[in-house]
């Protein structure tokens, strides 16, 4: 069972900020170590870059949505814009750093009861 929303926000949000700060501070050292350790495929470096992107983008999105919440704009469409930019940046980073490729097989015209 999940704790109340207030408790989750009180605990998880500062934890997100602390972990992001930790990743930003340790990134140069970790990148140097991984570049010396393995030169073949550089998986660890790609994962480090994606982790850095995820942490900074997630923190920025939480701060932007929090700012809108403080200004009492809880039903504002700008939340969707913030999340769209966040997901778009993560997707682009996954394409560039991790080699993510999405292939759509077949078509769907939007009719019928089945979901794609």
PDB file of N, CA and C in Angstrom:
ATOM      1  N   UNK A   1       0.843  -1.176   0.000  1.00  0.00           N
ATOM      2  CA  UNK A   1       0.000   0.000   0.000  1.00  0.00           C
ATOM      3  C   UNK A   1       0.891   1.244   0.000  1.00  0.00           C
ATOM      4  N   UNK A   2       0.538   2.189  -0.824  1.00  0.00           N
ATOM      5  CA  UNK A   2       1.319   3.412  -0.944  1.00  0.00           C
ATOM      6  C   UNK A   2       1.020   4.376   0.196  1.00  0.00           C
ATOM      7  N   UNK A   3       2.028   5.128   0.617  1.00  0.00           N
ATOM      8  CA  UNK A   3       1.766   6.170   1.613  1.00  0.00           C
ATOM      9  C   UNK A   3       0.953   7.301   0.978  1.00  0.00           C
ATOM     10  N   UNK A   4       0.408   8.189   1.766  1.00  0.00           N
ATOM     11  CA  UNK A   4      -0.381   9.302   1.209  1.00  0.00           C
ATOM     12  C   UNK A   4       0.451  10.156   0.247  1.00  0.00           C
ATOM     13  N   UNK A   5      -0.236  10.829  -0.643  1.00  0.00           N
ATOM     14  CA  UNK A   5       0.402  11.654  -1.673  1.00  0.00           C
ATOM     15  C   UNK A   5       1.333  12.700  -1.053  1.00  0.00           C
ATOM     16  N   UNK A   6       0.900  13.318   0.031  1.00  0.00           N
ATOM     17  CA  UNK A   6       1.713  14.344   0.676  1.00  0.00           C
ATOM     18  C   UNK A   6       3.050  13.774   1.145  1.00  0.00           C
ATOM     19  N   UNK A   7       3.017  12.585   1.709  1.00  0.00           N
ATOM     20  CA  UNK A   7       4.248  11.936   2.194  1.00  0.00           C
ATOM     21  C   UNK A   7       5.150  11.586   1.014  1.00  0.00           C
ATOM     22  N   UNK A   8       4.558  11.058  -0.063  1.00  0.00           N
ATOM     23  CA  UNK A   8       5.356  10.718  -1.240  1.00  0.00           C
ATOM     24  C   UNK A   8       6.041  11.947  -1.806  1.00  0.00           C
ATOM     25  N   UNK A   9       5.333  13.046  -1.884  1.00  0.00           N
ATOM     26  CA  UNK A   9       5.939  14.279  -2.413  1.00  0.00           C
ATOM     27  C   UNK A   9       6.989  14.833  -1.463  1.00  0.00           C
ATOM     28  N   UNK A  10       6.752  14.690  -0.192  1.00  0.00           N
ATOM     29  CA  UNK A  10       7.695  15.196   0.805  1.00  0.00           C
ATOM     30  C   UNK A  10       8.992  14.399   0.813  1.00  0.00           C
ATOM     31  N   UNK A  11       8.933  13.113   0.474  1.00  0.00           N
ATOM     32  CA  UNK A  11      10.111  12.248   0.500  1.00  0.00           C
ATOM     33  C   UNK A  11      10.747  12.125  -0.885  1.00  0.00           C
ATOM     34  N   UNK A  12       9.942  11.827  -1.890  1.00  0.00           N
ATOM     35  CA  UNK A  12      10.489  11.507  -3.217  1.00  0.00           C
ATOM     36  C   UNK A  12      11.058  12.710  -3.952  1.00  0.00           C
ATOM     37  N   UNK A  13      10.451  13.865  -3.818  1.00  0.00           N
ATOM     38  CA  UNK A  13      10.942  15.040  -4.539  1.00  0.00           C
ATOM     39  C   UNK A  13      12.330  15.457  -4.063  1.00  0.00           C
ATOM     40  N   UNK A  14      12.571  15.604  -2.759  1.00  0.00           N
ATOM     41  CA  UNK A  14      13.947  15.911  -2.341  1.00  0.00           C
ATOM     42  C   UNK A  14      14.934  14.795  -2.684  1.00  0.00           C
ATOM     43  N   UNK A  15      14.470  13.543  -2.659  1.00  0.00           N
ATOM     44  CA  UNK A  15      15.336  12.435  -3.044  1.00  0.00           C
ATOM     45  C   UNK A  15      15.735  12.543  -4.518  1.00  0.00           C
ATOM     46  N   UNK A  16      14.789  12.925  -5.370  1.00  0.00           N
ATOM     47  CA  UNK A  16      15.090  13.135  -6.785  1.00  0.00           C
ATOM     48  C   UNK A  16      16.149  14.220  -6.952  1.00  0.00           C
ATOM     49  N   UNK A  17      15.983  15.337  -6.247  1.00  0.00           N
ATOM     50  CA  UNK A  17      16.949  16.433  -6.348  1.00  0.00           C
ATOM     51  C   UNK A  17      18.326  16.001  -5.846  1.00  0.00           C
ATOM     52  N   UNK A  18      18.362  15.255  -4.752  1.00  0.00           N
ATOM     53  CA  UNK A  18      19.641  14.801  -4.199  1.00  0.00           C
ATOM     54  C   UNK A  18      20.335  13.821  -5.139  1.00  0.00           C
ATOM     55  N   UNK A  19      19.580  12.892  -5.705  1.00  0.00           N
ATOM     56  CA  UNK A  19      20.185  11.936  -6.636  1.00  0.00           C
ATOM     57  C   UNK A  19      20.674  12.622  -7.907  1.00  0.00           C
ATOM     58  N   UNK A  20      19.920  13.595  -8.403  1.00  0.00           N
ATOM     59  CA  UNK A  20      20.352  14.330  -9.590  1.00  0.00           C
ATOM     60  C   UNK A  20      21.624  15.115  -9.299  1.00  0.00           C
ATOM     61  N   UNK A  21      21.684  15.750  -8.148  1.00  0.00           N
ATOM     62  CA  UNK A  21      22.894  16.479  -7.769  1.00  0.00           C
ATOM     63  C   UNK A  21      24.080  15.522  -7.650  1.00  0.00           C
ATOM     64  N   UNK A  22      23.858  14.354  -7.093  1.00  0.00           N
ATOM     65  CA  UNK A  22      24.907  13.349  -6.976  1.00  0.00           C
ATOM     66  C   UNK A  22      25.403  12.916  -8.354  1.00  0.00           C
ATOM     67  N   UNK A  23      24.488  12.688  -9.283  1.00  0.00           N
ATOM     68  CA  UNK A  23      24.880  12.284 -10.637  1.00  0.00           C
ATOM     69  C   UNK A  23      25.666  13.400 -11.322  1.00  0.00           C
ATOM     70  N   UNK A  24      25.221  14.637 -11.183  1.00  0.00           N
ATOM     71  CA  UNK A  24      25.917  15.762 -11.816  1.00  0.00           C
ATOM     72  C   UNK A  24      27.317  15.923 -11.244  1.00  0.00           C
ATOM     73  N   UNK A  25      27.457  15.784  -9.937  1.00  0.00           N
ATOM     74  CA  UNK A  25      28.760  15.970  -9.296  1.00  0.00           C
ATOM     75  C   UNK A  25      29.707  14.814  -9.632  1.00  0.00           C
ATOM     76  N   UNK A  26      29.195  13.591  -9.633  1.00  0.00           N
ATOM     77  CA  UNK A  26      30.053  12.433  -9.869  1.00  0.00           C
ATOM     78  C   UNK A  26      30.249  12.097 -11.345  1.00  0.00           C
ATOM     79  N   UNK A  27      29.506  12.746 -12.232  1.00  0.00           N
ATOM     80  CA  UNK A  27      29.576  12.410 -13.653  1.00  0.00           C
ATOM     81  C   UNK A  27      30.986  12.520 -14.232  1.00  0.00           C
ATOM     82  N   UNK A  28      31.724  13.618 -14.022  1.00  0.00           N
ATOM     83  CA  UNK A  28      33.062  13.704 -14.629  1.00  0.00           C
ATOM     84  C   UNK A  28      33.999  12.581 -14.176  1.00  0.00           C
ATOM     85  N   UNK A  29      33.959  12.258 -12.899  1.00  0.00           N
ATOM     86  CA  UNK A  29      34.826  11.199 -12.380  1.00  0.00           C
ATOM     87  C   UNK A  29      34.401   9.843 -12.948  1.00  0.00           C
ATOM     88  N   UNK A  30      33.107   9.569 -12.926  1.00  0.00           N
ATOM     89  CA  UNK A  30      32.614   8.288 -13.439  1.00  0.00           C
ATOM     90  C   UNK A  30      32.880   8.159 -14.933  1.00  0.00           C
ATOM     91  N   UNK A  31      32.752   9.248 -15.668  1.00  0.00           N
ATOM     92  CA  UNK A  31      33.007   9.208 -17.109  1.00  0.00           C
ATOM     93  C   UNK A  31      34.483   8.907 -17.387  1.00  0.00           C
ATOM     94  N   UNK A  32      35.365   9.544 -16.606  1.00  0.00           N
ATOM     95  CA  UNK A  32      36.801   9.294 -16.778  1.00  0.00           C
ATOM     96  C   UNK A  32      37.150   7.844 -16.447  1.00  0.00           C
ATOM     97  N   UNK A  33      36.573   7.316 -15.388  1.00  0.00           N
ATOM     98  CA  UNK A  33      36.848   5.931 -15.006  1.00  0.00           C
ATOM     99  C   UNK A  33      36.342   4.968 -16.073  1.00  0.00           C
ATOM    100  N   UNK A  34      35.157   5.202 -16.586  1.00  0.00           N
ATOM    101  CA  UNK A  34      34.615   4.289 -17.599  1.00  0.00           C
ATOM    102  C   UNK A  34      35.359   4.411 -18.923  1.00  0.00           C
ATOM    103  N   UNK A  35      35.882   5.583 -19.217  1.00  0.00           N
ATOM    104  CA  UNK A  35      36.632   5.711 -20.474  1.00  0.00           C
ATOM    105  C   UNK A  35      37.985   5.005 -20.388  1.00  0.00           C
ATOM    106  N   UNK A  36      38.551   4.937 -19.192  1.00  0.00           N
ATOM    107  CA  UNK A  36      39.803   4.211 -19.023  1.00  0.00           C
ATOM    108  C   UNK A  36      39.589   2.710 -18.905  1.00  0.00           C
ATOM    109  N   UNK A  37      38.466   2.321 -18.323  1.00  0.00           N
ATOM    110  CA  UNK A  37      38.219   0.904 -18.045  1.00  0.00           C
ATOM    111  C   UNK A  37      37.895   0.099 -19.295  1.00  0.00           C
ATOM    112  N   UNK A  38      36.993   0.574 -20.106  1.00  0.00           N
ATOM    113  CA  UNK A  38      36.587  -0.226 -21.259  1.00  0.00           C
ATOM    114  C   UNK A  38      36.476   0.617 -22.504  1.00  0.00           C
ATOM    115  N   UNK A  39      37.248   0.290 -23.482  1.00  0.00           N
ATOM    116  CA  UNK A  39      37.258   1.089 -24.701  1.00  0.00           C
ATOM    117  C   UNK A  39      36.498   0.434 -25.848  1.00  0.00           C
ATOM    118  N   UNK A  40      36.017  -0.803 -25.659  1.00  0.00           N
ATOM    119  CA  UNK A  40      35.421  -1.512 -26.783  1.00  0.00           C
ATOM    120  C   UNK A  40      34.062  -0.932 -27.171  1.00  0.00           C
ATOM    121  N   UNK A  41      33.091  -1.056 -26.295  1.00  0.00           N
ATOM    122  CA  UNK A  41      31.733  -0.704 -26.686  1.00  0.00           C
ATOM    123  C   UNK A  41      31.190   0.504 -25.952  1.00  0.00           C
ATOM    124  N   UNK A  42      31.808   0.896 -24.884  1.00  0.00           N
ATOM    125  CA  UNK A  42      31.453   2.090 -24.121  1.00  0.00           C
ATOM    126  C   UNK A  42      30.005   2.092 -23.623  1.00  0.00           C
ATOM    127  N   UNK A  43      29.531   0.944 -23.183  1.00  0.00           N
ATOM    128  CA  UNK A  43      28.170   0.851 -22.653  1.00  0.00           C
ATOM    129  C   UNK A  43      27.985   1.710 -21.415  1.00  0.00           C
ATOM    130  N   UNK A  44      28.965   1.656 -20.522  1.00  0.00           N
ATOM    131  CA  UNK A  44      28.852   2.415 -19.273  1.00  0.00           C
ATOM    132  C   UNK A  44      28.796   3.907 -19.542  1.00  0.00           C
ATOM    133  N   UNK A  45      29.568   4.391 -20.508  1.00  0.00           N
ATOM    134  CA  UNK A  45      29.530   5.818 -20.836  1.00  0.00           C
ATOM    135  C   UNK A  45      28.167   6.215 -21.387  1.00  0.00           C
ATOM    136  N   UNK A  46      27.616   5.380 -22.251  1.00  0.00           N
ATOM    137  CA  UNK A  46      26.297   5.699 -22.809  1.00  0.00           C
ATOM    138  C   UNK A  46      25.240   5.713 -21.717  1.00  0.00           C
ATOM    139  N   UNK A  47      25.332   4.773 -20.798  1.00  0.00           N
ATOM    140  CA  UNK A  47      24.388   4.733 -19.687  1.00  0.00           C
ATOM    141  C   UNK A  47      24.561   5.942 -18.766  1.00  0.00           C
ATOM    142  N   UNK A  48      25.793   6.356 -18.547  1.00  0.00           N
ATOM    143  CA  UNK A  48      26.039   7.558 -17.739  1.00  0.00           C
ATOM    144  C   UNK A  48      25.426   8.797 -18.379  1.00  0.00           C
ATOM    145  N   UNK A  49      25.606   8.945 -19.689  1.00  0.00           N
ATOM    146  CA  UNK A  49      25.022  10.095 -20.386  1.00  0.00           C
ATOM    147  C   UNK A  49      23.501  10.083 -20.276  1.00  0.00           C
ATOM    148  N   UNK A  50      22.897   8.907 -20.454  1.00  0.00           N
ATOM    149  CA  UNK A  50      21.444   8.828 -20.359  1.00  0.00           C
ATOM    150  C   UNK A  50      20.979   9.127 -18.935  1.00  0.00           C
ATOM    151  N   UNK A  51      21.711   8.648 -17.940  1.00  0.00           N
ATOM    152  CA  UNK A  51      21.368   8.928 -16.545  1.00  0.00           C
ATOM    153  C   UNK A  51      21.437  10.419 -16.256  1.00  0.00           C
ATOM    154  N   UNK A  52      22.458  11.068 -16.770  1.00  0.00           N
ATOM    155  CA  UNK A  52      22.578  12.516 -16.591  1.00  0.00           C
ATOM    156  C   UNK A  52      21.415  13.243 -17.255  1.00  0.00           C
ATOM    157  N   UNK A  53      21.068  12.842 -18.460  1.00  0.00           N
ATOM    158  CA  UNK A  53      19.942  13.466 -19.151  1.00  0.00           C
ATOM    159  C   UNK A  53      18.646  13.232 -18.409  1.00  0.00           C
ATOM    160  N   UNK A  54      18.436  11.988 -17.980  1.00  0.00           N
ATOM    161  CA  UNK A  54      17.204  11.687 -17.259  1.00  0.00           C
ATOM    162  C   UNK A  54      17.088  12.523 -15.989  1.00  0.00           C
ATOM    163  N   UNK A  55      18.135  12.546 -15.189  1.00  0.00           N
ATOM    164  CA  UNK A  55      18.074  13.265 -13.913  1.00  0.00           C
ATOM    165  C   UNK A  55      17.839  14.755 -14.082  1.00  0.00           C
ATOM    166  N   UNK A  56      18.561  15.369 -14.998  1.00  0.00           N
ATOM    167  CA  UNK A  56      18.401  16.814 -15.163  1.00  0.00           C
ATOM    168  C   UNK A  56      17.054  17.159 -15.782  1.00  0.00           C
ATOM    169  N   UNK A  57      16.606  16.386 -16.753  1.00  0.00           N
ATOM    170  CA  UNK A  57      15.299  16.661 -17.381  1.00  0.00           C
ATOM    171  C   UNK A  57      14.149  16.399 -16.403  1.00  0.00           C
ATOM    172  N   UNK A  58      14.256  15.325 -15.628  1.00  0.00           N
ATOM    173  CA  UNK A  58      13.217  15.017 -14.637  1.00  0.00           C
ATOM    174  C   UNK A  58      13.128  16.125 -13.594  1.00  0.00           C
ATOM    175  N   UNK A  59      14.276  16.569 -13.111  1.00  0.00           N
ATOM    176  CA  UNK A  59      14.295  17.642 -12.115  1.00  0.00           C
ATOM    177  C   UNK A  59      13.717  18.924 -12.682  1.00  0.00           C
ATOM    178  N   UNK A  60      14.089  19.264 -13.908  1.00  0.00           N
ATOM    179  CA  UNK A  60      13.551  20.469 -14.534  1.00  0.00           C
ATOM    180  C   UNK A  60      12.042  20.372 -14.705  1.00  0.00           C
ATOM    181  N   UNK A  61      11.540  19.208 -15.120  1.00  0.00           N
ATOM    182  CA  UNK A  61      10.098  19.046 -15.307  1.00  0.00           C
ATOM    183  C   UNK A  61       9.356  19.159 -13.975  1.00  0.00           C
ATOM    184  N   UNK A  62       9.908  18.554 -12.927  1.00  0.00           N
ATOM    185  CA  UNK A  62       9.268  18.636 -11.610  1.00  0.00           C
ATOM    186  C   UNK A  62       9.248  20.086 -11.118  1.00  0.00           C
ATOM    187  N   UNK A  63      10.346  20.800 -11.321  1.00  0.00           N
ATOM    188  CA  UNK A  63      10.383  22.201 -10.891  1.00  0.00           C
ATOM    189  C   UNK A  63       9.399  23.064 -11.689  1.00  0.00           C
ATOM    190  N   UNK A  64       9.324  22.837 -12.995  1.00  0.00           N
ATOM    191  CA  UNK A  64       8.386  23.612 -13.814  1.00  0.00           C
ATOM    192  C   UNK A  64       6.935  23.314 -13.432  1.00  0.00           C
ATOM    193  N   UNK A  65       6.605  22.047 -13.260  1.00  0.00           N
ATOM    194  CA  UNK A  65       5.241  21.695 -12.863  1.00  0.00           C
ATOM    195  C   UNK A  65       4.939  22.210 -11.452  1.00  0.00           C
ATOM    196  N   UNK A  66       5.921  22.156 -10.578  1.00  0.00           N
ATOM    197  CA  UNK A  66       5.739  22.707  -9.234  1.00  0.00           C
ATOM    198  C   UNK A  66       5.498  24.200  -9.256  1.00  0.00           C
ATOM    199  N   UNK A  67       6.182  24.908 -10.134  1.00  0.00           N
ATOM    200  CA  UNK A  67       5.971  26.348 -10.267  1.00  0.00           C
ATOM    201  C   UNK A  67       4.549  26.644 -10.734  1.00  0.00           C
ATOM    202  N   UNK A  68       4.061  25.875 -11.703  1.00  0.00           N
ATOM    203  CA  UNK A  68       2.675  26.052 -12.143  1.00  0.00           C
ATOM    204  C   UNK A  68       1.694  25.721 -11.019  1.00  0.00           C
ATOM    205  N   UNK A  69       2.000  24.696 -10.233  1.00  0.00           N
ATOM    206  CA  UNK A  69       1.137  24.323  -9.125  1.00  0.00           C
ATOM    207  C   UNK A  69       1.090  25.440  -8.075  1.00  0.00           C
ATOM    208  N   UNK A  70       2.244  26.041  -7.789  1.00  0.00           N
ATOM    209  CA  UNK A  70       2.269  27.141  -6.824  1.00  0.00           C
ATOM    210  C   UNK A  70       1.475  28.346  -7.304  1.00  0.00           C
ATOM    211  N   UNK A  71       1.424  28.534  -8.592  1.00  0.00           N
ATOM    212  CA  UNK A  71       0.667  29.658  -9.162  1.00  0.00           C
ATOM    213  C   UNK A  71      -0.793  29.296  -9.392  1.00  0.00           C
ATOM    214  N   UNK A  72      -1.210  28.162  -8.856  1.00  0.00           N
ATOM    215  CA  UNK A  72      -2.596  27.682  -8.915  1.00  0.00           C
ATOM    216  C   UNK A  72      -3.076  27.448 -10.346  1.00  0.00           C
ATOM    217  N   UNK A  73      -2.179  26.958 -11.175  1.00  0.00           N
ATOM    218  CA  UNK A  73      -2.538  26.635 -12.557  1.00  0.00           C
ATOM    219  C   UNK A  73      -2.535  25.114 -12.729  1.00  0.00           C
ATOM    220  N   UNK A  74      -3.317  24.456 -11.887  1.00  0.00           N
ATOM    221  CA  UNK A  74      -3.295  23.002 -11.869  1.00  0.00           C
ATOM    222  C   UNK A  74      -3.988  22.383 -13.077  1.00  0.00           C
ATOM    223  N   UNK A  75      -4.888  23.086 -13.696  1.00  0.00           N
ATOM    224  CA  UNK A  75      -5.598  22.544 -14.863  1.00  0.00           C
ATOM    225  C   UNK A  75      -5.152  23.239 -16.144  1.00  0.00           C
ATOM    226  N   UNK A  76      -3.925  23.638 -16.156  1.00  0.00           N
ATOM    227  CA  UNK A  76      -3.372  24.370 -17.291  1.00  0.00           C
ATOM    228  C   UNK A  76      -2.783  23.388 -18.293  1.00  0.00           C
ATOM    229  N   UNK A  77      -2.924  23.682 -19.574  1.00  0.00           N
ATOM    230  CA  UNK A  77      -2.369  22.816 -20.614  1.00  0.00           C
ATOM    231  C   UNK A  77      -0.848  22.896 -20.682  1.00  0.00           C
ATOM    232  N   UNK A  78      -0.251  23.839 -19.979  1.00  0.00           N
ATOM    233  CA  UNK A  78       1.208  23.929 -19.993  1.00  0.00           C
ATOM    234  C   UNK A  78       1.870  22.723 -19.336  1.00  0.00           C
ATOM    235  N   UNK A  79       1.152  22.042 -18.458  1.00  0.00           N
ATOM    236  CA  UNK A  79       1.677  20.808 -17.875  1.00  0.00           C
ATOM    237  C   UNK A  79       1.955  19.788 -18.971  1.00  0.00           C
ATOM    238  N   UNK A  80       1.042  19.690 -19.922  1.00  0.00           N
ATOM    239  CA  UNK A  80       1.229  18.744 -21.027  1.00  0.00           C
ATOM    240  C   UNK A  80       2.429  19.136 -21.880  1.00  0.00           C
ATOM    241  N   UNK A  81       2.645  20.431 -22.065  1.00  0.00           N
ATOM    242  CA  UNK A  81       3.812  20.887 -22.820  1.00  0.00           C
ATOM    243  C   UNK A  81       5.108  20.516 -22.105  1.00  0.00           C
ATOM    244  N   UNK A  82       5.112  20.677 -20.797  1.00  0.00           N
ATOM    245  CA  UNK A  82       6.305  20.339 -20.005  1.00  0.00           C
ATOM    246  C   UNK A  82       6.604  18.848 -20.122  1.00  0.00           C
ATOM    247  N   UNK A  83       5.593  18.030 -19.952  1.00  0.00           N
ATOM    248  CA  UNK A  83       5.793  16.581 -20.013  1.00  0.00           C
ATOM    249  C   UNK A  83       6.138  16.146 -21.436  1.00  0.00           C
ATOM    250  N   UNK A  84       5.552  16.790 -22.443  1.00  0.00           N
ATOM    251  CA  UNK A  84       5.882  16.469 -23.836  1.00  0.00           C
ATOM    252  C   UNK A  84       7.359  16.752 -24.112  1.00  0.00           C
ATOM    253  N   UNK A  85       7.861  17.894 -23.648  1.00  0.00           N
ATOM    254  CA  UNK A  85       9.278  18.215 -23.833  1.00  0.00           C
ATOM    255  C   UNK A  85      10.172  17.234 -23.070  1.00  0.00           C
ATOM    256  N   UNK A  86       9.749  16.864 -21.869  1.00  0.00           N
ATOM    257  CA  UNK A  86      10.516  15.923 -21.050  1.00  0.00           C
ATOM    258  C   UNK A  86      10.629  14.560 -21.733  1.00  0.00           C
ATOM    259  N   UNK A  87       9.501  14.022 -22.164  1.00  0.00           N
ATOM    260  CA  UNK A  87       9.512  12.708 -22.807  1.00  0.00           C
ATOM    261  C   UNK A  87      10.244  12.776 -24.144  1.00  0.00           C
ATOM    262  N   UNK A  88      10.060  13.867 -24.889  1.00  0.00           N
ATOM    263  CA  UNK A  88      10.761  14.033 -26.161  1.00  0.00           C
ATOM    264  C   UNK A  88      12.273  14.065 -25.982  1.00  0.00           C
ATOM    265  N   UNK A  89      12.724  14.751 -24.939  1.00  0.00           N
ATOM    266  CA  UNK A  89      14.167  14.816 -24.679  1.00  0.00           C
ATOM    267  C   UNK A  89      14.714  13.451 -24.268  1.00  0.00           C
ATOM    268  N   UNK A  90      13.964  12.709 -23.455  1.00  0.00           N
ATOM    269  CA  UNK A  90      14.412  11.370 -23.073  1.00  0.00           C
ATOM    270  C   UNK A  90      14.455  10.441 -24.283  1.00  0.00           C
ATOM    271  N   UNK A  91      13.457  10.541 -25.140  1.00  0.00           N
ATOM    272  CA  UNK A  91      13.416   9.695 -26.336  1.00  0.00           C
ATOM    273  C   UNK A  91      14.589  10.018 -27.259  1.00  0.00           C
ATOM    274  N   UNK A  92      14.854  11.305 -27.462  1.00  0.00           N
ATOM    275  CA  UNK A  92      15.978  11.709 -28.306  1.00  0.00           C
ATOM    276  C   UNK A  92      17.297  11.234 -27.714  1.00  0.00           C
ATOM    277  N   UNK A  93      17.439  11.364 -26.406  1.00  0.00           N
ATOM    278  CA  UNK A  93      18.664  10.909 -25.754  1.00  0.00           C
ATOM    279  C   UNK A  93      18.822   9.397 -25.883  1.00  0.00           C
ATOM    280  N   UNK A  94      17.723   8.665 -25.742  1.00  0.00           N
ATOM    281  CA  UNK A  94      17.792   7.207 -25.885  1.00  0.00           C
ATOM    282  C   UNK A  94      18.151   6.817 -27.315  1.00  0.00           C
ATOM    283  N   UNK A  95      17.675   7.581 -28.290  1.00  0.00           N
ATOM    284  CA  UNK A  95      18.049   7.313 -29.676  1.00  0.00           C
ATOM    285  C   UNK A  95      19.534   7.566 -29.896  1.00  0.00           C
ATOM    286  N   UNK A  96      20.011   8.707 -29.419  1.00  0.00           N
ATOM    287  CA  UNK A  96      21.397   9.098 -29.669  1.00  0.00           C
ATOM    288  C   UNK A  96      22.389   8.283 -28.854  1.00  0.00           C
ATOM    289  N   UNK A  97      22.121   8.115 -27.570  1.00  0.00           N
ATOM    290  CA  UNK A  97      23.091   7.501 -26.668  1.00  0.00           C
ATOM    291  C   UNK A  97      22.982   5.983 -26.591  1.00  0.00           C
ATOM    292  N   UNK A  98      21.749   5.471 -26.641  1.00  0.00           N
ATOM    293  CA  UNK A  98      21.544   4.045 -26.431  1.00  0.00           C
ATOM    294  C   UNK A  98      21.208   3.285 -27.710  1.00  0.00           C
ATOM    295  N   UNK A  99      21.018   4.019 -28.798  1.00  0.00           N
ATOM    296  CA  UNK A  99      20.720   3.363 -30.068  1.00  0.00           C
ATOM    297  C   UNK A  99      19.296   2.843 -30.166  1.00  0.00           C
ATOM    298  N   UNK A 100      18.363   3.469 -29.457  1.00  0.00           N
ATOM    299  CA  UNK A 100      16.970   3.046 -29.498  1.00  0.00           C
ATOM    300  C   UNK A 100      16.389   3.267 -30.890  1.00  0.00           C
ATOM    301  N   UNK A 101      15.719   2.246 -31.395  1.00  0.00           N
ATOM    302  CA  UNK A 101      15.014   2.357 -32.666  1.00  0.00           C
ATOM    303  C   UNK A 101      13.616   1.790 -32.476  1.00  0.00           C
ATOM    304  N   UNK A 102      12.620   2.519 -32.934  1.00  0.00           N
ATOM    305  CA  UNK A 102      11.236   2.060 -32.855  1.00  0.00           C
ATOM    306  C   UNK A 102      10.747   1.843 -34.273  1.00  0.00           C
ATOM    307  N   UNK A 103      10.287   0.640 -34.524  1.00  0.00           N
ATOM    308  CA  UNK A 103       9.747   0.314 -35.839  1.00  0.00           C
ATOM    309  C   UNK A 103       8.272  -0.016 -35.684  1.00  0.00           C
ATOM    310  N   UNK A 104       7.458   0.620 -36.513  1.00  0.00           N
ATOM    311  CA  UNK A 104       6.026   0.363 -36.496  1.00  0.00           C
ATOM    312  C   UNK A 104       5.730  -0.640 -37.592  1.00  0.00           C
ATOM    313  N   UNK A 105       5.122  -1.741 -37.205  1.00  0.00           N
ATOM    314  CA  UNK A 105       4.808  -2.800 -38.156  1.00  0.00           C
ATOM    315  C   UNK A 105       3.300  -2.827 -38.345  1.00  0.00           C
ATOM    316  N   UNK A 106       2.844  -2.514 -39.536  1.00  0.00           N
ATOM    317  CA  UNK A 106       1.418  -2.496 -39.820  1.00  0.00           C
ATOM    318  C   UNK A 106       0.851  -1.099 -39.674  1.00  0.00           C
ATOM    319  N   UNK A 107      -0.431  -0.999 -39.892  1.00  0.00           N
ATOM    320  CA  UNK A 107      -1.102   0.299 -39.781  1.00  0.00           C
ATOM    321  C   UNK A 107      -2.321   0.153 -38.890  1.00  0.00           C
ATOM    322  N   UNK A 108      -2.798   1.263 -38.416  1.00  0.00           N
ATOM    323  CA  UNK A 108      -4.007   1.312 -37.616  1.00  0.00           C
ATOM    324  C   UNK A 108      -4.711   2.601 -37.957  1.00  0.00           C
ATOM    325  N   UNK A 109      -5.947   2.513 -38.403  1.00  0.00           N
ATOM    326  CA  UNK A 109      -6.657   3.699 -38.843  1.00  0.00           C
ATOM    327  C   UNK A 109      -7.469   4.371 -37.740  1.00  0.00           C
ATOM    328  N   UNK A 110      -7.442   3.828 -36.552  1.00  0.00           N
ATOM    329  CA  UNK A 110      -8.127   4.451 -35.414  1.00  0.00           C
ATOM    330  C   UNK A 110      -9.555   3.988 -35.255  1.00  0.00           C
ATOM    331  N   UNK A 111     -10.050   3.156 -36.148  1.00  0.00           N
ATOM    332  CA  UNK A 111     -11.426   2.668 -36.010  1.00  0.00           C
ATOM    333  C   UNK A 111     -11.422   1.310 -35.335  1.00  0.00           C
ATOM    334  N   UNK A 112     -12.558   0.913 -34.904  1.00  0.00           N
ATOM    335  CA  UNK A 112     -12.660  -0.374 -34.239  1.00  0.00           C
ATOM    336  C   UNK A 112     -12.407  -0.239 -32.750  1.00  0.00           C
ATOM    337  N   UNK A 113     -12.659  -1.310 -32.034  1.00  0.00           N
ATOM    338  CA  UNK A 113     -12.512  -1.263 -30.586  1.00  0.00           C
ATOM    339  C   UNK A 113     -11.148  -1.634 -30.066  1.00  0.00           C
ATOM    340  N   UNK A 114     -10.311  -2.166 -30.951  1.00  0.00           N
ATOM    341  CA  UNK A 114      -8.991  -2.594 -30.495  1.00  0.00           C
ATOM    342  C   UNK A 114      -8.036  -1.419 -30.408  1.00  0.00           C
ATOM    343  N   UNK A 115      -7.206  -1.486 -29.417  1.00  0.00           N
ATOM    344  CA  UNK A 115      -6.173  -0.458 -29.273  1.00  0.00           C
ATOM    345  C   UNK A 115      -4.904  -0.969 -29.919  1.00  0.00           C
ATOM    346  N   UNK A 116      -4.062  -0.068 -30.411  1.00  0.00           N
ATOM    347  CA  UNK A 116      -2.813  -0.527 -31.049  1.00  0.00           C
ATOM    348  C   UNK A 116      -1.874  -1.146 -30.040  1.00  0.00           C
TER     349      UNK A 116
END
